[in-house]
Amino acid sequence: MKIALCQMKMEQDIETNYRKTLKAIKEAALQKADLILFPEIQLSPFFPQYENFDTRNYVLSPDSPYVLGICECCRENKIYASPNFYIEENGKRYDMSLLIDENGKIVGKQKMVHVAQCENFYEQSYYTPSEEGFSVFETKFGKIGIVVCFDRHYPESIRTQALCGAELILIPTANTASEPGELFRWEIRVQAFQNSVYIAMCNRVGTEGKMEFSGESIVVDCNGNITACADSGEQLLIAETDLPSASQIREQRPYMRHRRPQFYD
């Protein structure tokens, strides 16, 4: 399975970000990618850096023309996509990733489970935590899970999805240059190895307000090896994955079958 990571610089204008999204989907399809992953809240500036921000122009509904337009673009180009939006559903607002198949159908939704509240990440002011927890989605390529940004810092997130059979985990994120990038890469590599799962993490780039987004999107195989890594600029990162090998290696390693969950809090 070939995956593409669209490392994007976001503008204030939702229309500009939307057009960039459609262009990236088409480019990924031309490069024969089977799936394209986008960064966190890809149609908007990173408003959670502010404690009070008017988000009326950026909050979407599941049937928003922007969501439907991306679904249609996937159908036209016969490619899966995992975009991430600020979505209002049933009167609550979420940091939500979708999984859209090559027919333009939404086959999965994953909301952020752990919601941060700290300097530059005032996310509890905007996001409702997921009520459903983590899900793994069946696709023709294998089982795919999604872990939204801050969730990846909790080992239970990726472990839970691996226990549910995930062979590839997608992470939309918003990492900054002031954060420990090397440590973040090791965080992904170790979890990929311990859980025998492919992990792809796609980041924003550019400077917004006080935040400089670092890029350095990354794909790691189920042995913890980096197979693709971006620089700090806009680009479409392409990587090959072999999802069935994740399940095979997981069966061979002792980590899962020797777990003793009765001692875990």
C-alpha atoms as a PDB file:
ATOM      1  CA  MET A   1       0.000   0.000   0.000  1.00  0.00           C
ATOM      2  CA  LYS A   2       1.404   3.381  -0.996  1.00  0.00           C
ATOM      3  CA  ILE A   3       0.542   6.301   1.271  1.00  0.00           C
ATOM      4  CA  ALA A   4       0.985  10.049   0.821  1.00  0.00           C
ATOM      5  CA  LEU A   5       1.360  12.615   3.618  1.00  0.00           C
ATOM      6  CA  CYS A   6       0.373  16.158   2.677  1.00  0.00           C
ATOM      7  CA  GLN A   7       2.582  18.440   4.763  1.00  0.00           C
ATOM      8  CA  MET A   8       0.711  21.761   4.433  1.00  0.00           C
ATOM      9  CA  LYS A   9       1.030  25.422   5.344  1.00  0.00           C
ATOM     10  CA  MET A  10      -2.405  26.707   6.337  1.00  0.00           C
ATOM     11  CA  GLU A  11      -3.796  30.128   5.470  1.00  0.00           C
ATOM     12  CA  GLN A  12      -6.463  32.184   7.244  1.00  0.00           C
ATOM     13  CA  ASP A  13      -8.846  31.598   4.336  1.00  0.00           C
ATOM     14  CA  ILE A  14     -10.695  28.270   4.460  1.00  0.00           C
ATOM     15  CA  GLU A  15     -11.217  28.347   0.667  1.00  0.00           C
ATOM     16  CA  THR A  16      -7.475  28.507   0.037  1.00  0.00           C
ATOM     17  CA  ASN A  17      -6.843  25.552   2.355  1.00  0.00           C
ATOM     18  CA  TYR A  18      -9.681  23.632   0.709  1.00  0.00           C
ATOM     19  CA  ARG A  19      -8.264  24.169  -2.785  1.00  0.00           C
ATOM     20  CA  LYS A  20      -4.825  23.061  -1.584  1.00  0.00           C
ATOM     21  CA  THR A  21      -6.433  19.928  -0.159  1.00  0.00           C
ATOM     22  CA  LEU A  22      -8.113  19.044  -3.457  1.00  0.00           C
ATOM     23  CA  LYS A  23      -4.880  19.693  -5.364  1.00  0.00           C
ATOM     24  CA  ALA A  24      -2.972  17.396  -3.013  1.00  0.00           C
ATOM     25  CA  ILE A  25      -5.515  14.593  -3.418  1.00  0.00           C
ATOM     26  CA  LYS A  26      -5.185  14.798  -7.189  1.00  0.00           C
ATOM     27  CA  GLU A  27      -1.378  14.879  -7.016  1.00  0.00           C
ATOM     28  CA  ALA A  28      -1.287  11.873  -4.676  1.00  0.00           C
ATOM     29  CA  ALA A  29      -3.525   9.947  -7.052  1.00  0.00           C
ATOM     30  CA  LEU A  30      -1.221  10.813  -9.969  1.00  0.00           C
ATOM     31  CA  GLN A  31       1.653   9.372  -7.948  1.00  0.00           C
ATOM     32  CA  LYS A  32      -0.364   6.158  -7.521  1.00  0.00           C
ATOM     33  CA  ALA A  33      -0.883   6.591  -3.783  1.00  0.00           C
ATOM     34  CA  ASP A  34      -3.677   4.514  -2.276  1.00  0.00           C
ATOM     35  CA  LEU A  35      -4.309   6.883   0.643  1.00  0.00           C
ATOM     36  CA  ILE A  36      -3.472  10.478   1.554  1.00  0.00           C
ATOM     37  CA  LEU A  37      -3.148  11.759   5.138  1.00  0.00           C
ATOM     38  CA  PHE A  38      -3.476  15.425   6.143  1.00  0.00           C
ATOM     39  CA  PRO A  39      -2.381  17.428   9.236  1.00  0.00           C
ATOM     40  CA  GLU A  40      -4.587  18.477  12.141  1.00  0.00           C
ATOM     41  CA  ILE A  41      -7.478  20.934  11.445  1.00  0.00           C
ATOM     42  CA  GLN A  42      -6.253  21.359   7.881  1.00  0.00           C
ATOM     43  CA  LEU A  43      -8.819  23.902   6.665  1.00  0.00           C
ATOM     44  CA  SER A  44      -8.165  26.485   9.367  1.00  0.00           C
ATOM     45  CA  PRO A  45      -5.395  28.402  11.095  1.00  0.00           C
ATOM     46  CA  PHE A  46      -4.336  26.786  14.363  1.00  0.00           C
ATOM     47  CA  PHE A  47      -6.867  28.658  16.491  1.00  0.00           C
ATOM     48  CA  PRO A  48      -6.341  26.589  19.699  1.00  0.00           C
ATOM     49  CA  GLN A  49      -3.182  28.619  20.338  1.00  0.00           C
ATOM     50  CA  TYR A  50      -5.559  31.361  21.509  1.00  0.00           C
ATOM     51  CA  GLU A  51      -7.782  31.095  24.572  1.00  0.00           C
ATOM     52  CA  ASN A  52     -10.585  33.002  22.843  1.00  0.00           C
ATOM     53  CA  PHE A  53     -10.927  32.792  19.068  1.00  0.00           C
ATOM     54  CA  ASP A  54     -13.987  33.223  16.876  1.00  0.00           C
ATOM     55  CA  THR A  55     -14.221  29.853  15.096  1.00  0.00           C
ATOM     56  CA  ARG A  56     -17.531  30.461  13.301  1.00  0.00           C
ATOM     57  CA  ASN A  57     -15.857  30.502   9.893  1.00  0.00           C
ATOM     58  CA  TYR A  58     -14.042  27.225  10.520  1.00  0.00           C
ATOM     59  CA  VAL A  59     -16.442  24.857  12.259  1.00  0.00           C
ATOM     60  CA  LEU A  60     -17.974  22.344   9.822  1.00  0.00           C
ATOM     61  CA  SER A  61     -20.873  19.928   9.859  1.00  0.00           C
ATOM     62  CA  PRO A  62     -20.438  16.339   8.614  1.00  0.00           C
ATOM     63  CA  ASP A  63     -22.425  17.310   5.500  1.00  0.00           C
ATOM     64  CA  SER A  64     -20.546  20.569   4.907  1.00  0.00           C
ATOM     65  CA  PRO A  65     -19.837  21.379   1.238  1.00  0.00           C
ATOM     66  CA  TYR A  66     -16.124  21.173   2.102  1.00  0.00           C
ATOM     67  CA  VAL A  67     -16.458  17.650   3.499  1.00  0.00           C
ATOM     68  CA  LEU A  68     -18.657  16.555   0.613  1.00  0.00           C
ATOM     69  CA  GLY A  69     -16.285  18.151  -1.894  1.00  0.00           C
ATOM     70  CA  ILE A  70     -13.329  16.213  -0.514  1.00  0.00           C
ATOM     71  CA  CYS A  71     -15.384  13.014  -0.604  1.00  0.00           C
ATOM     72  CA  GLU A  72     -16.218  13.691  -4.243  1.00  0.00           C
ATOM     73  CA  CYS A  73     -12.565  14.368  -5.055  1.00  0.00           C
ATOM     74  CA  CYS A  74     -11.650  10.987  -3.541  1.00  0.00           C
ATOM     75  CA  ARG A  75     -14.316   9.321  -5.680  1.00  0.00           C
ATOM     76  CA  GLU A  76     -13.144  11.037  -8.858  1.00  0.00           C
ATOM     77  CA  ASN A  77      -9.513  10.157  -8.213  1.00  0.00           C
ATOM     78  CA  LYS A  78     -10.107   6.690  -6.726  1.00  0.00           C
ATOM     79  CA  ILE A  79      -8.077   7.285  -3.572  1.00  0.00           C
ATOM     80  CA  TYR A  80      -8.613   6.976   0.173  1.00  0.00           C
ATOM     81  CA  ALA A  81      -8.115  10.099   2.299  1.00  0.00           C
ATOM     82  CA  SER A  82      -7.892  10.909   5.989  1.00  0.00           C
ATOM     83  CA  PRO A  83      -8.592  14.621   6.483  1.00  0.00           C
ATOM     84  CA  ASN A  84      -8.949  16.277   9.901  1.00  0.00           C
ATOM     85  CA  PHE A  85     -11.520  18.977  10.643  1.00  0.00           C
ATOM     86  CA  TYR A  86     -13.151  21.023  13.378  1.00  0.00           C
ATOM     87  CA  ILE A  87     -16.608  19.419  13.240  1.00  0.00           C
ATOM     88  CA  GLU A  88     -19.848  20.069  15.064  1.00  0.00           C
ATOM     89  CA  GLU A  89     -21.982  16.974  15.535  1.00  0.00           C
ATOM     90  CA  ASN A  90     -25.051  16.619  17.766  1.00  0.00           C
ATOM     91  CA  GLY A  91     -24.467  20.035  19.249  1.00  0.00           C
ATOM     92  CA  LYS A  92     -20.849  19.334  20.272  1.00  0.00           C
ATOM     93  CA  ARG A  93     -17.594  20.305  18.598  1.00  0.00           C
ATOM     94  CA  TYR A  94     -14.723  17.899  18.014  1.00  0.00           C
ATOM     95  CA  ASP A  95     -11.227  17.635  16.594  1.00  0.00           C
ATOM     96  CA  MET A  96     -12.218  14.853  14.202  1.00  0.00           C
ATOM     97  CA  SER A  97     -10.477  12.805  11.529  1.00  0.00           C
ATOM     98  CA  LEU A  98     -12.388  11.029   8.798  1.00  0.00           C
ATOM     99  CA  LEU A  99     -11.482   8.014   6.718  1.00  0.00           C
ATOM    100  CA  ILE A 100     -12.904   8.326   3.210  1.00  0.00           C
ATOM    101  CA  ASP A 101     -12.693   5.435   0.759  1.00  0.00           C
ATOM    102  CA  GLU A 102     -12.036   5.520  -2.994  1.00  0.00           C
ATOM    103  CA  ASN A 103     -15.778   5.688  -3.662  1.00  0.00           C
ATOM    104  CA  GLY A 104     -16.083   8.903  -1.665  1.00  0.00           C
ATOM    105  CA  LYS A 105     -17.817   7.214   1.259  1.00  0.00           C
ATOM    106  CA  ILE A 106     -16.954   8.092   4.863  1.00  0.00           C
ATOM    107  CA  VAL A 107     -16.050   4.714   6.361  1.00  0.00           C
ATOM    108  CA  GLY A 108     -14.610   5.931   9.651  1.00  0.00           C
ATOM    109  CA  LYS A 109     -14.655   8.800  12.146  1.00  0.00           C
ATOM    110  CA  GLN A 110     -12.151   9.303  14.948  1.00  0.00           C
ATOM    111  CA  LYS A 111     -12.449  12.120  17.485  1.00  0.00           C
ATOM    112  CA  MET A 112      -9.621  13.280  19.721  1.00  0.00           C
ATOM    113  CA  VAL A 113      -9.832  11.333  22.997  1.00  0.00           C
ATOM    114  CA  HIS A 114      -7.349  13.212  25.223  1.00  0.00           C
ATOM    115  CA  VAL A 115      -7.764  16.988  24.940  1.00  0.00           C
ATOM    116  CA  ALA A 116      -4.865  19.223  25.980  1.00  0.00           C
ATOM    117  CA  GLN A 117      -5.093  22.494  27.898  1.00  0.00           C
ATOM    118  CA  CYS A 118      -1.760  24.316  28.176  1.00  0.00           C
ATOM    119  CA  GLU A 119       0.073  27.277  26.667  1.00  0.00           C
ATOM    120  CA  ASN A 120      -0.542  27.478  22.880  1.00  0.00           C
ATOM    121  CA  PHE A 121      -2.791  24.407  23.078  1.00  0.00           C
ATOM    122  CA  TYR A 122      -6.005  25.657  24.712  1.00  0.00           C
ATOM    123  CA  GLU A 123      -7.872  22.774  23.149  1.00  0.00           C
ATOM    124  CA  GLN A 124     -10.353  22.163  25.947  1.00  0.00           C
ATOM    125  CA  SER A 125     -11.742  25.598  25.129  1.00  0.00           C
ATOM    126  CA  TYR A 126     -12.830  24.254  21.731  1.00  0.00           C
ATOM    127  CA  TYR A 127     -12.962  20.445  21.625  1.00  0.00           C
ATOM    128  CA  THR A 128     -15.247  17.938  23.290  1.00  0.00           C
ATOM    129  CA  PRO A 129     -13.399  14.679  24.137  1.00  0.00           C
ATOM    130  CA  SER A 130     -14.526  11.608  22.230  1.00  0.00           C
ATOM    131  CA  GLU A 131     -17.333   9.645  23.835  1.00  0.00           C
ATOM    132  CA  GLU A 132     -16.591   6.511  21.796  1.00  0.00           C
ATOM    133  CA  GLY A 133     -12.864   6.059  22.396  1.00  0.00           C
ATOM    134  CA  PHE A 134     -10.691   4.440  19.728  1.00  0.00           C
ATOM    135  CA  SER A 135     -11.819   2.605  16.613  1.00  0.00           C
ATOM    136  CA  VAL A 136     -10.136   0.501  13.938  1.00  0.00           C
ATOM    137  CA  PHE A 137     -11.526   0.507  10.420  1.00  0.00           C
ATOM    138  CA  GLU A 138     -11.577  -2.375   7.949  1.00  0.00           C
ATOM    139  CA  THR A 139     -10.350  -1.473   4.468  1.00  0.00           C
ATOM    140  CA  LYS A 140      -9.401  -3.433   1.384  1.00  0.00           C
ATOM    141  CA  PHE A 141      -5.745  -2.839   2.317  1.00  0.00           C
ATOM    142  CA  GLY A 142      -6.013  -3.963   5.929  1.00  0.00           C
ATOM    143  CA  LYS A 143      -7.026  -2.522   9.297  1.00  0.00           C
ATOM    144  CA  ILE A 144      -6.412   1.192   9.805  1.00  0.00           C
ATOM    145  CA  GLY A 145      -6.628   3.206  13.015  1.00  0.00           C
ATOM    146  CA  ILE A 146      -6.366   6.958  13.611  1.00  0.00           C
ATOM    147  CA  VAL A 147      -4.821   8.656  16.650  1.00  0.00           C
ATOM    148  CA  VAL A 148      -5.408  12.425  16.709  1.00  0.00           C
ATOM    149  CA  CYS A 149      -2.349  14.519  17.645  1.00  0.00           C
ATOM    150  CA  PHE A 150      -2.121  14.752  21.469  1.00  0.00           C
ATOM    151  CA  ASP A 151      -3.537  11.219  21.834  1.00  0.00           C
ATOM    152  CA  ARG A 152      -0.249   9.730  20.629  1.00  0.00           C
ATOM    153  CA  HIS A 153       1.493  10.829  23.833  1.00  0.00           C
ATOM    154  CA  TYR A 154      -0.602   8.250  25.706  1.00  0.00           C
ATOM    155  CA  PRO A 155       0.794   4.755  24.996  1.00  0.00           C
ATOM    156  CA  GLU A 156      -2.677   3.325  25.633  1.00  0.00           C
ATOM    157  CA  SER A 157      -3.915   4.975  22.435  1.00  0.00           C
ATOM    158  CA  ILE A 158      -1.725   3.106  19.958  1.00  0.00           C
ATOM    159  CA  ARG A 159      -1.710  -0.051  22.096  1.00  0.00           C
ATOM    160  CA  THR A 160      -5.526  -0.118  22.168  1.00  0.00           C
ATOM    161  CA  GLN A 161      -5.720   0.125  18.403  1.00  0.00           C
ATOM    162  CA  ALA A 162      -3.022  -2.516  17.932  1.00  0.00           C
ATOM    163  CA  LEU A 163      -4.970  -4.858  20.225  1.00  0.00           C
ATOM    164  CA  CYS A 164      -7.966  -4.272  17.940  1.00  0.00           C
ATOM    165  CA  GLY A 165      -5.842  -5.413  14.998  1.00  0.00           C
ATOM    166  CA  ALA A 166      -4.660  -2.117  13.501  1.00  0.00           C
ATOM    167  CA  GLU A 167      -1.870  -2.600  10.966  1.00  0.00           C
ATOM    168  CA  LEU A 168      -1.481   1.088  10.106  1.00  0.00           C
ATOM    169  CA  ILE A 169      -2.127   4.041  12.415  1.00  0.00           C
ATOM    170  CA  LEU A 170      -2.539   7.534  10.992  1.00  0.00           C
ATOM    171  CA  ILE A 171      -1.677  10.582  13.116  1.00  0.00           C
ATOM    172  CA  PRO A 172      -2.670  14.124  12.060  1.00  0.00           C
ATOM    173  CA  THR A 173      -0.690  16.565  14.177  1.00  0.00           C
ATOM    174  CA  ALA A 174       0.473  20.135  14.849  1.00  0.00           C
ATOM    175  CA  ASN A 175       4.041  19.869  16.170  1.00  0.00           C
ATOM    176  CA  THR A 176       6.132  23.000  16.627  1.00  0.00           C
ATOM    177  CA  ALA A 177       9.829  23.753  16.266  1.00  0.00           C
ATOM    178  CA  SER A 178      10.022  24.555  19.985  1.00  0.00           C
ATOM    179  CA  GLU A 179       9.011  20.995  20.905  1.00  0.00           C
ATOM    180  CA  PRO A 180      11.502  18.073  21.105  1.00  0.00           C
ATOM    181  CA  GLY A 181      11.300  16.781  17.537  1.00  0.00           C
ATOM    182  CA  GLU A 182      13.898  14.044  17.956  1.00  0.00           C
ATOM    183  CA  LEU A 183      12.124  12.743  21.042  1.00  0.00           C
ATOM    184  CA  PHE A 184       8.802  12.799  19.179  1.00  0.00           C
ATOM    185  CA  ARG A 185      10.325  10.684  16.402  1.00  0.00           C
ATOM    186  CA  TRP A 186      11.585   8.147  18.936  1.00  0.00           C
ATOM    187  CA  GLU A 187       8.176   8.155  20.587  1.00  0.00           C
ATOM    188  CA  ILE A 188       6.630   7.035  17.296  1.00  0.00           C
ATOM    189  CA  ARG A 189       9.401   4.559  16.505  1.00  0.00           C
ATOM    190  CA  VAL A 190       9.247   2.812  19.876  1.00  0.00           C
ATOM    191  CA  GLN A 191       5.471   2.512  19.793  1.00  0.00           C
ATOM    192  CA  ALA A 192       5.578   1.159  16.227  1.00  0.00           C
ATOM    193  CA  PHE A 193       8.083  -1.485  17.325  1.00  0.00           C
ATOM    194  CA  GLN A 194       6.376  -2.436  20.587  1.00  0.00           C
ATOM    195  CA  ASN A 195       2.988  -2.773  18.889  1.00  0.00           C
ATOM    196  CA  SER A 196       4.196  -4.111  15.506  1.00  0.00           C
ATOM    197  CA  VAL A 197       2.265  -1.491  13.560  1.00  0.00           C
ATOM    198  CA  TYR A 198       2.995   0.971  10.767  1.00  0.00           C
ATOM    199  CA  ILE A 199       2.587   4.596  11.875  1.00  0.00           C
ATOM    200  CA  ALA A 200       2.309   7.700   9.664  1.00  0.00           C
ATOM    201  CA  MET A 201       2.324  11.148  11.288  1.00  0.00           C
ATOM    202  CA  CYS A 202       1.540  14.225   9.171  1.00  0.00           C
ATOM    203  CA  ASN A 203       2.353  17.730  10.430  1.00  0.00           C
ATOM    204  CA  ARG A 204       1.653  21.354   9.547  1.00  0.00           C
ATOM    205  CA  VAL A 205       4.367  23.816   8.448  1.00  0.00           C
ATOM    206  CA  GLY A 206       4.711  27.589   8.522  1.00  0.00           C
ATOM    207  CA  THR A 207       4.415  30.255  11.208  1.00  0.00           C
ATOM    208  CA  GLU A 208       1.050  31.170  12.694  1.00  0.00           C
ATOM    209  CA  GLY A 209       0.955  33.729  15.480  1.00  0.00           C
ATOM    210  CA  LYS A 210       3.552  32.646  18.051  1.00  0.00           C
ATOM    211  CA  MET A 211       3.809  29.094  16.684  1.00  0.00           C
ATOM    212  CA  GLU A 212       6.281  27.791  14.113  1.00  0.00           C
ATOM    213  CA  PHE A 213       5.195  24.379  12.880  1.00  0.00           C
ATOM    214  CA  SER A 214       8.116  22.074  12.289  1.00  0.00           C
ATOM    215  CA  GLY A 215       6.962  19.738   9.532  1.00  0.00           C
ATOM    216  CA  GLU A 216       9.156  16.617   9.628  1.00  0.00           C
ATOM    217  CA  SER A 217       6.216  14.333   8.867  1.00  0.00           C
ATOM    218  CA  ILE A 218       7.250  10.739   9.267  1.00  0.00           C
ATOM    219  CA  VAL A 219       6.410   7.163   8.302  1.00  0.00           C
ATOM    220  CA  VAL A 220       7.697   4.310  10.467  1.00  0.00           C
ATOM    221  CA  ASP A 221       7.410   0.593   9.747  1.00  0.00           C
ATOM    222  CA  CYS A 222       6.328  -2.115  12.175  1.00  0.00           C
ATOM    223  CA  ASN A 223       9.976  -2.698  13.156  1.00  0.00           C
ATOM    224  CA  GLY A 224      10.423   0.919  14.239  1.00  0.00           C
ATOM    225  CA  ASN A 225      12.428   1.942  11.169  1.00  0.00           C
ATOM    226  CA  ILE A 226      11.882   5.355   9.577  1.00  0.00           C
ATOM    227  CA  THR A 227      10.941   4.720   5.948  1.00  0.00           C
ATOM    228  CA  ALA A 228      10.182   8.326   4.970  1.00  0.00           C
ATOM    229  CA  CYS A 229      10.695  11.716   6.612  1.00  0.00           C
ATOM    230  CA  ALA A 230       9.890  15.207   5.351  1.00  0.00           C
ATOM    231  CA  ASP A 231      11.791  18.445   5.851  1.00  0.00           C
ATOM    232  CA  SER A 232      10.350  21.690   7.233  1.00  0.00           C
ATOM    233  CA  GLY A 233       8.612  22.871   4.051  1.00  0.00           C
ATOM    234  CA  GLU A 234       5.428  22.056   2.173  1.00  0.00           C
ATOM    235  CA  GLN A 235       5.642  18.732   0.399  1.00  0.00           C
ATOM    236  CA  LEU A 236       3.869  15.531  -0.475  1.00  0.00           C
ATOM    237  CA  LEU A 237       5.729  12.700   1.257  1.00  0.00           C
ATOM    238  CA  ILE A 238       5.278   9.255  -0.319  1.00  0.00           C
ATOM    239  CA  ALA A 239       5.976   5.944   1.398  1.00  0.00           C
ATOM    240  CA  GLU A 240       5.346   2.263   0.793  1.00  0.00           C
ATOM    241  CA  THR A 241       3.787   0.091   3.498  1.00  0.00           C
ATOM    242  CA  ASP A 242       3.066  -3.619   3.756  1.00  0.00           C
ATOM    243  CA  LEU A 243       0.096  -3.854   6.105  1.00  0.00           C
ATOM    244  CA  PRO A 244      -0.214  -7.678   6.250  1.00  0.00           C
ATOM    245  CA  SER A 245       3.376  -7.901   7.499  1.00  0.00           C
ATOM    246  CA  ALA A 246       2.372  -5.966  10.634  1.00  0.00           C
ATOM    247  CA  SER A 247      -0.029  -8.712  11.715  1.00  0.00           C
ATOM    248  CA  GLN A 248       2.484 -11.414  10.838  1.00  0.00           C
ATOM    249  CA  ILE A 249       5.282  -9.799  12.854  1.00  0.00           C
ATOM    250  CA  ARG A 250       2.931  -9.144  15.765  1.00  0.00           C
ATOM    251  CA  GLU A 251       2.167 -12.857  15.912  1.00  0.00           C
ATOM    252  CA  GLN A 252       5.873 -13.707  15.951  1.00  0.00           C
ATOM    253  CA  ARG A 253       6.810 -11.304  18.741  1.00  0.00           C
ATOM    254  CA  PRO A 254       6.018 -12.155  22.356  1.00  0.00           C
ATOM    255  CA  TYR A 255       4.831  -8.721  23.478  1.00  0.00           C
ATOM    256  CA  MET A 256       1.093  -9.096  22.928  1.00  0.00           C
ATOM    257  CA  ARG A 257       0.577 -12.692  23.985  1.00  0.00           C
ATOM    258  CA  HIS A 258       2.474 -12.297  27.268  1.00  0.00           C
ATOM    259  CA  ARG A 259       0.560  -9.254  28.459  1.00  0.00           C
ATOM    260  CA  ARG A 260      -0.930  -9.444  32.003  1.00  0.00           C
ATOM    261  CA  PRO A 261      -3.707  -6.858  31.867  1.00  0.00           C
ATOM    262  CA  GLN A 262      -5.052  -7.893  35.279  1.00  0.00           C
ATOM    263  CA  PHE A 263      -2.197  -5.850  36.742  1.00  0.00           C
ATOM    264  CA  TYR A 264      -2.778  -2.766  34.607  1.00  0.00           C
ATOM    265  CA  ASP A 265      -4.738   0.132  36.014  1.00  0.00           C
END
